[in-house]
Amino acid sequence: MSPSLSVVADNDMKAATVAAPKSETVAQRVRRLQLEAKTLAKDHIRALSTAMVEVETIAAEIAEGGDAYPPGVRDIARRLVEDCEARVQTLEAIVARTI
């Protein structure tokens, strides 16, 4: 005999994700969510910049690593250092203007 299965509704989860404070209007909620999205975007951009700086540091170590690294790898790493530095500066300039 196979075990019987039943479906159980999860009404608590629905109420928690849909419900907004009753005193908050739709326009206020939109503004609050937009502000939250912009804050998250700033954090994400900051994480990207940090990761790019870390890549730049590692690439610089490889570029200056001498004969332990193949010449093609050293060349790519050297170009990556230059590119990361320029890209981070571009990101910072864009963020300063827009956010």
PDB file of N, CA and C in Angstrom:
ATOM      1  N   MET A   1       0.841  -1.171   0.000  1.00  0.00           N
ATOM      2  CA  MET A   1       0.000   0.000   0.000  1.00  0.00           C
ATOM      3  C   MET A   1       0.895   1.246   0.000  1.00  0.00           C
ATOM      4  N   SER A   2       0.615   2.188  -0.891  1.00  0.00           N
ATOM      5  CA  SER A   2       1.444   3.392  -0.975  1.00  0.00           C
ATOM      6  C   SER A   2       0.955   4.436   0.022  1.00  0.00           C
ATOM      7  N   PRO A   3       1.882   5.257   0.547  1.00  0.00           N
ATOM      8  CA  PRO A   3       1.486   6.271   1.518  1.00  0.00           C
ATOM      9  C   PRO A   3       0.635   7.353   0.837  1.00  0.00           C
ATOM     10  N   SER A   4      -0.316   7.886   1.552  1.00  0.00           N
ATOM     11  CA  SER A   4      -1.158   8.936   0.978  1.00  0.00           C
ATOM     12  C   SER A   4      -0.502  10.292   1.204  1.00  0.00           C
ATOM     13  N   LEU A   5      -0.660  11.156   0.241  1.00  0.00           N
ATOM     14  CA  LEU A   5      -0.088  12.493   0.305  1.00  0.00           C
ATOM     15  C   LEU A   5      -1.212  13.512   0.341  1.00  0.00           C
ATOM     16  N   SER A   6      -0.937  14.649   0.976  1.00  0.00           N
ATOM     17  CA  SER A   6      -1.929  15.725   0.989  1.00  0.00           C
ATOM     18  C   SER A   6      -1.219  17.055   0.798  1.00  0.00           C
ATOM     19  N   VAL A   7      -1.953  18.011   0.231  1.00  0.00           N
ATOM     20  CA  VAL A   7      -1.413  19.342  -0.018  1.00  0.00           C
ATOM     21  C   VAL A   7      -1.779  20.239   1.155  1.00  0.00           C
ATOM     22  N   VAL A   8      -0.791  20.981   1.654  1.00  0.00           N
ATOM     23  CA  VAL A   8      -1.010  21.885   2.771  1.00  0.00           C
ATOM     24  C   VAL A   8      -0.684  23.294   2.307  1.00  0.00           C
ATOM     25  N   ALA A   9      -1.603  24.220   2.467  1.00  0.00           N
ATOM     26  CA  ALA A   9      -1.381  25.610   2.058  1.00  0.00           C
ATOM     27  C   ALA A   9      -0.458  26.302   3.041  1.00  0.00           C
ATOM     28  N   ASP A  10       0.361  27.178   2.509  1.00  0.00           N
ATOM     29  CA  ASP A  10       1.285  27.949   3.333  1.00  0.00           C
ATOM     30  C   ASP A  10       0.830  29.404   3.319  1.00  0.00           C
ATOM     31  N   ASN A  11      -0.274  29.678   3.975  1.00  0.00           N
ATOM     32  CA  ASN A  11      -0.864  31.015   3.968  1.00  0.00           C
ATOM     33  C   ASN A  11      -0.003  32.028   4.702  1.00  0.00           C
ATOM     34  N   ASP A  12       0.735  31.599   5.709  1.00  0.00           N
ATOM     35  CA  ASP A  12       1.581  32.525   6.468  1.00  0.00           C
ATOM     36  C   ASP A  12       2.650  33.147   5.589  1.00  0.00           C
ATOM     37  N   MET A  13       3.249  32.372   4.699  1.00  0.00           N
ATOM     38  CA  MET A  13       4.307  32.880   3.828  1.00  0.00           C
ATOM     39  C   MET A  13       3.751  33.916   2.863  1.00  0.00           C
ATOM     40  N   LYS A  14       2.567  33.665   2.304  1.00  0.00           N
ATOM     41  CA  LYS A  14       1.954  34.610   1.375  1.00  0.00           C
ATOM     42  C   LYS A  14       1.690  35.944   2.049  1.00  0.00           C
ATOM     43  N   ALA A  15       1.139  35.906   3.229  1.00  0.00           N
ATOM     44  CA  ALA A  15       0.800  37.132   3.948  1.00  0.00           C
ATOM     45  C   ALA A  15       2.054  37.932   4.280  1.00  0.00           C
ATOM     46  N   ALA A  16       3.145  37.252   4.585  1.00  0.00           N
ATOM     47  CA  ALA A  16       4.370  37.948   4.973  1.00  0.00           C
ATOM     48  C   ALA A  16       5.018  38.661   3.789  1.00  0.00           C
ATOM     49  N   THR A  17       4.909  38.084   2.589  1.00  0.00           N
ATOM     50  CA  THR A  17       5.578  38.695   1.448  1.00  0.00           C
ATOM     51  C   THR A  17       4.725  39.746   0.762  1.00  0.00           C
ATOM     52  N   VAL A  18       3.425  39.697   0.892  1.00  0.00           N
ATOM     53  CA  VAL A  18       2.544  40.617   0.185  1.00  0.00           C
ATOM     54  C   VAL A  18       2.167  41.813   1.039  1.00  0.00           C
ATOM     55  N   ALA A  19       2.020  41.607   2.308  1.00  0.00           N
ATOM     56  CA  ALA A  19       1.509  42.658   3.185  1.00  0.00           C
ATOM     57  C   ALA A  19       2.513  43.790   3.365  1.00  0.00           C
ATOM     58  N   ALA A  20       2.008  45.008   3.215  1.00  0.00           N
ATOM     59  CA  ALA A  20       2.798  46.204   3.480  1.00  0.00           C
ATOM     60  C   ALA A  20       2.118  46.930   4.631  1.00  0.00           C
ATOM     61  N   PRO A  21       2.838  47.814   5.301  1.00  0.00           N
ATOM     62  CA  PRO A  21       2.189  48.551   6.378  1.00  0.00           C
ATOM     63  C   PRO A  21       0.949  49.274   5.856  1.00  0.00           C
ATOM     64  N   LYS A  22      -0.154  49.194   6.605  1.00  0.00           N
ATOM     65  CA  LYS A  22      -1.421  49.779   6.145  1.00  0.00           C
ATOM     66  C   LYS A  22      -1.333  51.292   6.025  1.00  0.00           C
ATOM     67  N   SER A  23      -0.456  51.919   6.766  1.00  0.00           N
ATOM     68  CA  SER A  23      -0.353  53.370   6.708  1.00  0.00           C
ATOM     69  C   SER A  23       0.468  53.843   5.505  1.00  0.00           C
ATOM     70  N   GLU A  24       1.116  52.925   4.806  1.00  0.00           N
ATOM     71  CA  GLU A  24       1.964  53.283   3.671  1.00  0.00           C
ATOM     72  C   GLU A  24       1.139  53.286   2.380  1.00  0.00           C
ATOM     73  N   THR A  25       1.164  54.413   1.660  1.00  0.00           N
ATOM     74  CA  THR A  25       0.456  54.482   0.386  1.00  0.00           C
ATOM     75  C   THR A  25       1.276  53.781  -0.685  1.00  0.00           C
ATOM     76  N   VAL A  26       0.658  53.565  -1.833  1.00  0.00           N
ATOM     77  CA  VAL A  26       1.367  52.925  -2.940  1.00  0.00           C
ATOM     78  C   VAL A  26       2.555  53.791  -3.366  1.00  0.00           C
ATOM     79  N   ALA A  27       2.359  55.093  -3.459  1.00  0.00           N
ATOM     80  CA  ALA A  27       3.448  55.994  -3.846  1.00  0.00           C
ATOM     81  C   ALA A  27       4.593  55.954  -2.836  1.00  0.00           C
ATOM     82  N   GLN A  28       4.267  55.909  -1.557  1.00  0.00           N
ATOM     83  CA  GLN A  28       5.304  55.828  -0.527  1.00  0.00           C
ATOM     84  C   GLN A  28       6.052  54.507  -0.626  1.00  0.00           C
ATOM     85  N   ARG A  29       5.320  53.441  -0.895  1.00  0.00           N
ATOM     86  CA  ARG A  29       5.953  52.129  -1.035  1.00  0.00           C
ATOM     87  C   ARG A  29       6.893  52.123  -2.235  1.00  0.00           C
ATOM     88  N   VAL A  30       6.447  52.718  -3.347  1.00  0.00           N
ATOM     89  CA  VAL A  30       7.293  52.786  -4.542  1.00  0.00           C
ATOM     90  C   VAL A  30       8.581  53.539  -4.230  1.00  0.00           C
ATOM     91  N   ARG A  31       8.460  54.688  -3.568  1.00  0.00           N
ATOM     92  CA  ARG A  31       9.662  55.462  -3.211  1.00  0.00           C
ATOM     93  C   ARG A  31      10.580  54.665  -2.290  1.00  0.00           C
ATOM     94  N   ARG A  32       9.995  53.986  -1.308  1.00  0.00           N
ATOM     95  CA  ARG A  32      10.793  53.189  -0.372  1.00  0.00           C
ATOM     96  C   ARG A  32      11.519  52.065  -1.101  1.00  0.00           C
ATOM     97  N   LEU A  33      10.821  51.380  -1.995  1.00  0.00           N
ATOM     98  CA  LEU A  33      11.440  50.278  -2.734  1.00  0.00           C
ATOM     99  C   LEU A  33      12.504  50.776  -3.710  1.00  0.00           C
ATOM    100  N   GLN A  34      12.267  51.950  -4.327  1.00  0.00           N
ATOM    101  CA  GLN A  34      13.280  52.524  -5.211  1.00  0.00           C
ATOM    102  C   GLN A  34      14.539  52.895  -4.432  1.00  0.00           C
ATOM    103  N   LEU A  35      14.358  53.469  -3.264  1.00  0.00           N
ATOM    104  CA  LEU A  35      15.504  53.819  -2.425  1.00  0.00           C
ATOM    105  C   LEU A  35      16.265  52.561  -2.011  1.00  0.00           C
ATOM    106  N   GLU A  36      15.533  51.510  -1.665  1.00  0.00           N
ATOM    107  CA  GLU A  36      16.167  50.247  -1.287  1.00  0.00           C
ATOM    108  C   GLU A  36      16.935  49.657  -2.472  1.00  0.00           C
ATOM    109  N   ALA A  37      16.343  49.724  -3.671  1.00  0.00           N
ATOM    110  CA  ALA A  37      17.013  49.204  -4.866  1.00  0.00           C
ATOM    111  C   ALA A  37      18.283  49.991  -5.167  1.00  0.00           C
ATOM    112  N   LYS A  38      18.234  51.310  -5.025  1.00  0.00           N
ATOM    113  CA  LYS A  38      19.431  52.126  -5.267  1.00  0.00           C
ATOM    114  C   LYS A  38      20.520  51.816  -4.257  1.00  0.00           C
ATOM    115  N   THR A  39      20.135  51.605  -3.013  1.00  0.00           N
ATOM    116  CA  THR A  39      21.110  51.263  -1.980  1.00  0.00           C
ATOM    117  C   THR A  39      21.767  49.920  -2.292  1.00  0.00           C
ATOM    118  N   LEU A  40      20.952  48.944  -2.694  1.00  0.00           N
ATOM    119  CA  LEU A  40      21.501  47.634  -3.061  1.00  0.00           C
ATOM    120  C   LEU A  40      22.404  47.743  -4.284  1.00  0.00           C
ATOM    121  N   ALA A  41      22.029  48.585  -5.242  1.00  0.00           N
ATOM    122  CA  ALA A  41      22.859  48.777  -6.436  1.00  0.00           C
ATOM    123  C   ALA A  41      24.208  49.380  -6.056  1.00  0.00           C
ATOM    124  N   LYS A  42      24.205  50.364  -5.155  1.00  0.00           N
ATOM    125  CA  LYS A  42      25.471  50.959  -4.698  1.00  0.00           C
ATOM    126  C   LYS A  42      26.359  49.898  -4.064  1.00  0.00           C
ATOM    127  N   ASP A  43      25.763  49.070  -3.218  1.00  0.00           N
ATOM    128  CA  ASP A  43      26.533  48.005  -2.567  1.00  0.00           C
ATOM    129  C   ASP A  43      27.108  47.038  -3.597  1.00  0.00           C
ATOM    130  N   HIS A  44      26.313  46.712  -4.604  1.00  0.00           N
ATOM    131  CA  HIS A  44      26.748  45.770  -5.621  1.00  0.00           C
ATOM    132  C   HIS A  44      27.890  46.363  -6.450  1.00  0.00           C
ATOM    133  N   ILE A  45      27.764  47.635  -6.804  1.00  0.00           N
ATOM    134  CA  ILE A  45      28.820  48.308  -7.562  1.00  0.00           C
ATOM    135  C   ILE A  45      30.095  48.392  -6.734  1.00  0.00           C
ATOM    136  N   ARG A  46      29.952  48.671  -5.443  1.00  0.00           N
ATOM    137  CA  ARG A  46      31.113  48.723  -4.553  1.00  0.00           C
ATOM    138  C   ARG A  46      31.798  47.358  -4.500  1.00  0.00           C
ATOM    139  N   ALA A  47      31.009  46.283  -4.459  1.00  0.00           N
ATOM    140  CA  ALA A  47      31.583  44.935  -4.451  1.00  0.00           C
ATOM    141  C   ALA A  47      32.315  44.644  -5.758  1.00  0.00           C
ATOM    142  N   LEU A  48      31.753  45.101  -6.870  1.00  0.00           N
ATOM    143  CA  LEU A  48      32.407  44.919  -8.163  1.00  0.00           C
ATOM    144  C   LEU A  48      33.739  45.662  -8.197  1.00  0.00           C
ATOM    145  N   SER A  49      33.745  46.892  -7.744  1.00  0.00           N
ATOM    146  CA  SER A  49      34.980  47.675  -7.722  1.00  0.00           C
ATOM    147  C   SER A  49      36.033  47.018  -6.846  1.00  0.00           C
ATOM    148  N   THR A  50      35.624  46.533  -5.694  1.00  0.00           N
ATOM    149  CA  THR A  50      36.547  45.858  -4.780  1.00  0.00           C
ATOM    150  C   THR A  50      37.136  44.609  -5.434  1.00  0.00           C
ATOM    151  N   ALA A  51      36.290  43.836  -6.099  1.00  0.00           N
ATOM    152  CA  ALA A  51      36.767  42.624  -6.776  1.00  0.00           C
ATOM    153  C   ALA A  51      37.735  42.971  -7.905  1.00  0.00           C
ATOM    154  N   MET A  52      37.444  44.047  -8.625  1.00  0.00           N
ATOM    155  CA  MET A  52      38.330  44.455  -9.720  1.00  0.00           C
ATOM    156  C   MET A  52      39.684  44.916  -9.195  1.00  0.00           C
ATOM    157  N   VAL A  53      39.694  45.595  -8.059  1.00  0.00           N
ATOM    158  CA  VAL A  53      40.962  46.010  -7.452  1.00  0.00           C
ATOM    159  C   VAL A  53      41.755  44.776  -7.020  1.00  0.00           C
ATOM    160  N   GLU A  54      41.058  43.773  -6.501  1.00  0.00           N
ATOM    161  CA  GLU A  54      41.737  42.536  -6.103  1.00  0.00           C
ATOM    162  C   GLU A  54      42.321  41.821  -7.327  1.00  0.00           C
ATOM    163  N   VAL A  55      41.558  41.784  -8.421  1.00  0.00           N
ATOM    164  CA  VAL A  55      42.059  41.190  -9.658  1.00  0.00           C
ATOM    165  C   VAL A  55      43.288  41.961 -10.142  1.00  0.00           C
ATOM    166  N   GLU A  56      43.216  43.277 -10.060  1.00  0.00           N
ATOM    167  CA  GLU A  56      44.345  44.123 -10.474  1.00  0.00           C
ATOM    168  C   GLU A  56      45.603  43.794  -9.660  1.00  0.00           C
ATOM    169  N   THR A  57      45.433  43.610  -8.357  1.00  0.00           N
ATOM    170  CA  THR A  57      46.570  43.285  -7.480  1.00  0.00           C
ATOM    171  C   THR A  57      47.190  41.941  -7.849  1.00  0.00           C
ATOM    172  N   ILE A  58      46.340  40.940  -8.044  1.00  0.00           N
ATOM    173  CA  ILE A  58      46.848  39.607  -8.402  1.00  0.00           C
ATOM    174  C   ILE A  58      47.509  39.638  -9.771  1.00  0.00           C
ATOM    175  N   ALA A  59      46.896  40.342 -10.713  1.00  0.00           N
ATOM    176  CA  ALA A  59      47.471  40.440 -12.063  1.00  0.00           C
ATOM    177  C   ALA A  59      48.835  41.133 -12.021  1.00  0.00           C
ATOM    178  N   ALA A  60      48.965  42.156 -11.193  1.00  0.00           N
ATOM    179  CA  ALA A  60      50.256  42.849 -11.073  1.00  0.00           C
ATOM    180  C   ALA A  60      51.323  41.905 -10.527  1.00  0.00           C
ATOM    181  N   GLU A  61      50.957  41.084  -9.561  1.00  0.00           N
ATOM    182  CA  GLU A  61      51.914  40.115  -9.012  1.00  0.00           C
ATOM    183  C   GLU A  61      52.369  39.141 -10.083  1.00  0.00           C
ATOM    184  N   ILE A  62      51.428  38.689 -10.904  1.00  0.00           N
ATOM    185  CA  ILE A  62      51.773  37.744 -11.971  1.00  0.00           C
ATOM    186  C   ILE A  62      52.613  38.433 -13.047  1.00  0.00           C
ATOM    187  N   ALA A  63      52.233  39.653 -13.394  1.00  0.00           N
ATOM    188  CA  ALA A  63      52.962  40.389 -14.428  1.00  0.00           C
ATOM    189  C   ALA A  63      54.418  40.604 -14.036  1.00  0.00           C
ATOM    190  N   GLU A  64      54.670  40.768 -12.749  1.00  0.00           N
ATOM    191  CA  GLU A  64      56.028  40.999 -12.265  1.00  0.00           C
ATOM    192  C   GLU A  64      56.671  39.729 -11.708  1.00  0.00           C
ATOM    193  N   GLY A  65      56.026  38.594 -11.957  1.00  0.00           N
ATOM    194  CA  GLY A  65      56.471  37.325 -11.380  1.00  0.00           C
ATOM    195  C   GLY A  65      57.676  36.694 -12.031  1.00  0.00           C
ATOM    196  N   GLY A  66      58.161  37.290 -13.070  1.00  0.00           N
ATOM    197  CA  GLY A  66      59.367  36.761 -13.705  1.00  0.00           C
ATOM    198  C   GLY A  66      59.116  35.474 -14.460  1.00  0.00           C
ATOM    199  N   ASP A  67      60.191  34.698 -14.596  1.00  0.00           N
ATOM    200  CA  ASP A  67      60.165  33.490 -15.424  1.00  0.00           C
ATOM    201  C   ASP A  67      59.310  32.361 -14.855  1.00  0.00           C
ATOM    202  N   ALA A  68      58.817  32.518 -13.650  1.00  0.00           N
ATOM    203  CA  ALA A  68      57.952  31.477 -13.091  1.00  0.00           C
ATOM    204  C   ALA A  68      56.647  31.378 -13.878  1.00  0.00           C
ATOM    205  N   TYR A  69      56.261  32.480 -14.531  1.00  0.00           N
ATOM    206  CA  TYR A  69      55.033  32.505 -15.319  1.00  0.00           C
ATOM    207  C   TYR A  69      55.386  32.567 -16.801  1.00  0.00           C
ATOM    208  N   PRO A  70      54.624  31.889 -17.637  1.00  0.00           N
ATOM    209  CA  PRO A  70      54.893  31.953 -19.083  1.00  0.00           C
ATOM    210  C   PRO A  70      54.758  33.387 -19.594  1.00  0.00           C
ATOM    211  N   PRO A  71      55.545  33.768 -20.606  1.00  0.00           N
ATOM    212  CA  PRO A  71      55.506  35.135 -21.125  1.00  0.00           C
ATOM    213  C   PRO A  71      54.105  35.581 -21.550  1.00  0.00           C
ATOM    214  N   GLY A  72      53.319  34.737 -22.167  1.00  0.00           N
ATOM    215  CA  GLY A  72      51.966  35.103 -22.591  1.00  0.00           C
ATOM    216  C   GLY A  72      51.061  35.433 -21.407  1.00  0.00           C
ATOM    217  N   VAL A  73      51.215  34.697 -20.337  1.00  0.00           N
ATOM    218  CA  VAL A  73      50.418  34.944 -19.132  1.00  0.00           C
ATOM    219  C   VAL A  73      50.824  36.266 -18.503  1.00  0.00           C
ATOM    220  N   ARG A  74      52.115  36.518 -18.440  1.00  0.00           N
ATOM    221  CA  ARG A  74      52.591  37.791 -17.881  1.00  0.00           C
ATOM    222  C   ARG A  74      52.068  38.975 -18.687  1.00  0.00           C
ATOM    223  N   ASP A  75      52.042  38.830 -20.005  1.00  0.00           N
ATOM    224  CA  ASP A  75      51.559  39.912 -20.867  1.00  0.00           C
ATOM    225  C   ASP A  75      50.061  40.159 -20.648  1.00  0.00           C
ATOM    226  N   ILE A  76      49.294  39.100 -20.593  1.00  0.00           N
ATOM    227  CA  ILE A  76      47.853  39.254 -20.327  1.00  0.00           C
ATOM    228  C   ILE A  76      47.639  39.902 -18.969  1.00  0.00           C
ATOM    229  N   ALA A  77      48.384  39.472 -17.969  1.00  0.00           N
ATOM    230  CA  ALA A  77      48.249  40.038 -16.628  1.00  0.00           C
ATOM    231  C   ALA A  77      48.602  41.524 -16.624  1.00  0.00           C
ATOM    232  N   ARG A  78      49.658  41.901 -17.348  1.00  0.00           N
ATOM    233  CA  ARG A  78      50.056  43.307 -17.428  1.00  0.00           C
ATOM    234  C   ARG A  78      48.943  44.148 -18.054  1.00  0.00           C
ATOM    235  N   ARG A  79      48.351  43.641 -19.144  1.00  0.00           N
ATOM    236  CA  ARG A  79      47.254  44.375 -19.790  1.00  0.00           C
ATOM    237  C   ARG A  79      46.016  44.430 -18.899  1.00  0.00           C
ATOM    238  N   LEU A  80      45.806  43.367 -18.153  1.00  0.00           N
ATOM    239  CA  LEU A  80      44.665  43.321 -17.230  1.00  0.00           C
ATOM    240  C   LEU A  80      44.808  44.364 -16.129  1.00  0.00           C
ATOM    241  N   VAL A  81      46.020  44.578 -15.654  1.00  0.00           N
ATOM    242  CA  VAL A  81      46.277  45.610 -14.640  1.00  0.00           C
ATOM    243  C   VAL A  81      45.843  46.969 -15.169  1.00  0.00           C
ATOM    244  N   GLU A  82      46.288  47.290 -16.375  1.00  0.00           N
ATOM    245  CA  GLU A  82      45.944  48.578 -16.977  1.00  0.00           C
ATOM    246  C   GLU A  82      44.435  48.704 -17.175  1.00  0.00           C
ATOM    247  N   ASP A  83      43.824  47.637 -17.667  1.00  0.00           N
ATOM    248  CA  ASP A  83      42.391  47.669 -17.957  1.00  0.00           C
ATOM    249  C   ASP A  83      41.565  47.789 -16.683  1.00  0.00           C
ATOM    250  N   CYS A  84      41.913  47.024 -15.651  1.00  0.00           N
ATOM    251  CA  CYS A  84      41.165  47.085 -14.384  1.00  0.00           C
ATOM    252  C   CYS A  84      41.242  48.474 -13.770  1.00  0.00           C
ATOM    253  N   GLU A  85      42.422  49.054 -13.785  1.00  0.00           N
ATOM    254  CA  GLU A  85      42.592  50.390 -13.209  1.00  0.00           C
ATOM    255  C   GLU A  85      41.684  51.398 -13.920  1.00  0.00           C
ATOM    256  N   ALA A  86      41.670  51.354 -15.243  1.00  0.00           N
ATOM    257  CA  ALA A  86      40.835  52.281 -16.012  1.00  0.00           C
ATOM    258  C   ALA A  86      39.352  52.009 -15.773  1.00  0.00           C
ATOM    259  N   ARG A  87      38.968  50.748 -15.710  1.00  0.00           N
ATOM    260  CA  ARG A  87      37.552  50.397 -15.514  1.00  0.00           C
ATOM    261  C   ARG A  87      37.060  50.808 -14.132  1.00  0.00           C
ATOM    262  N   VAL A  88      37.872  50.635 -13.119  1.00  0.00           N
ATOM    263  CA  VAL A  88      37.476  51.038 -11.764  1.00  0.00           C
ATOM    264  C   VAL A  88      37.276  52.551 -11.717  1.00  0.00           C
ATOM    265  N   GLN A  89      38.181  53.287 -12.336  1.00  0.00           N
ATOM    266  CA  GLN A  89      38.039  54.745 -12.380  1.00  0.00           C
ATOM    267  C   GLN A  89      36.761  55.144 -13.127  1.00  0.00           C
ATOM    268  N   THR A  90      36.448  54.449 -14.206  1.00  0.00           N
ATOM    269  CA  THR A  90      35.224  54.724 -14.957  1.00  0.00           C
ATOM    270  C   THR A  90      33.992  54.433 -14.115  1.00  0.00           C
ATOM    271  N   LEU A  91      33.993  53.302 -13.430  1.00  0.00           N
ATOM    272  CA  LEU A  91      32.863  52.979 -12.535  1.00  0.00           C
ATOM    273  C   LEU A  91      32.669  54.055 -11.480  1.00  0.00           C
ATOM    274  N   GLU A  92      33.745  54.465 -10.866  1.00  0.00           N
ATOM    275  CA  GLU A  92      33.652  55.490  -9.828  1.00  0.00           C
ATOM    276  C   GLU A  92      33.105  56.800 -10.377  1.00  0.00           C
ATOM    277  N   ALA A  93      33.524  57.176 -11.581  1.00  0.00           N
ATOM    278  CA  ALA A  93      33.037  58.413 -12.206  1.00  0.00           C
ATOM    279  C   ALA A  93      31.550  58.310 -12.522  1.00  0.00           C
ATOM    280  N   ILE A  94      31.125  57.171 -13.044  1.00  0.00           N
ATOM    281  CA  ILE A  94      29.710  56.992 -13.371  1.00  0.00           C
ATOM    282  C   ILE A  94      28.859  57.035 -12.101  1.00  0.00           C
ATOM    283  N   VAL A  95      29.300  56.349 -11.074  1.00  0.00           N
ATOM    284  CA  VAL A  95      28.549  56.315  -9.816  1.00  0.00           C
ATOM    285  C   VAL A  95      28.467  57.706  -9.215  1.00  0.00           C
ATOM    286  N   ALA A  96      29.539  58.467  -9.282  1.00  0.00           N
ATOM    287  CA  ALA A  96      29.545  59.813  -8.718  1.00  0.00           C
ATOM    288  C   ALA A  96      28.537  60.714  -9.433  1.00  0.00           C
ATOM    289  N   ARG A  97      28.331  60.486 -10.721  1.00  0.00           N
ATOM    290  CA  ARG A  97      27.391  61.302 -11.480  1.00  0.00           C
ATOM    291  C   ARG A  97      25.941  60.876 -11.327  1.00  0.00           C
ATOM    292  N   THR A  98      25.694  59.586 -11.164  1.00  0.00           N
ATOM    293  CA  THR A  98      24.327  59.093 -11.267  1.00  0.00           C
ATOM    294  C   THR A  98      23.664  58.704  -9.959  1.00  0.00           C
ATOM    295  N   ILE A  99      24.415  58.235  -9.019  1.00  0.00           N
ATOM    296  CA  ILE A  99      23.769  57.721  -7.802  1.00  0.00           C
ATOM    297  C   ILE A  99      24.028  58.655  -6.643  1.00  0.00           C
TER     298      ILE A  99
END
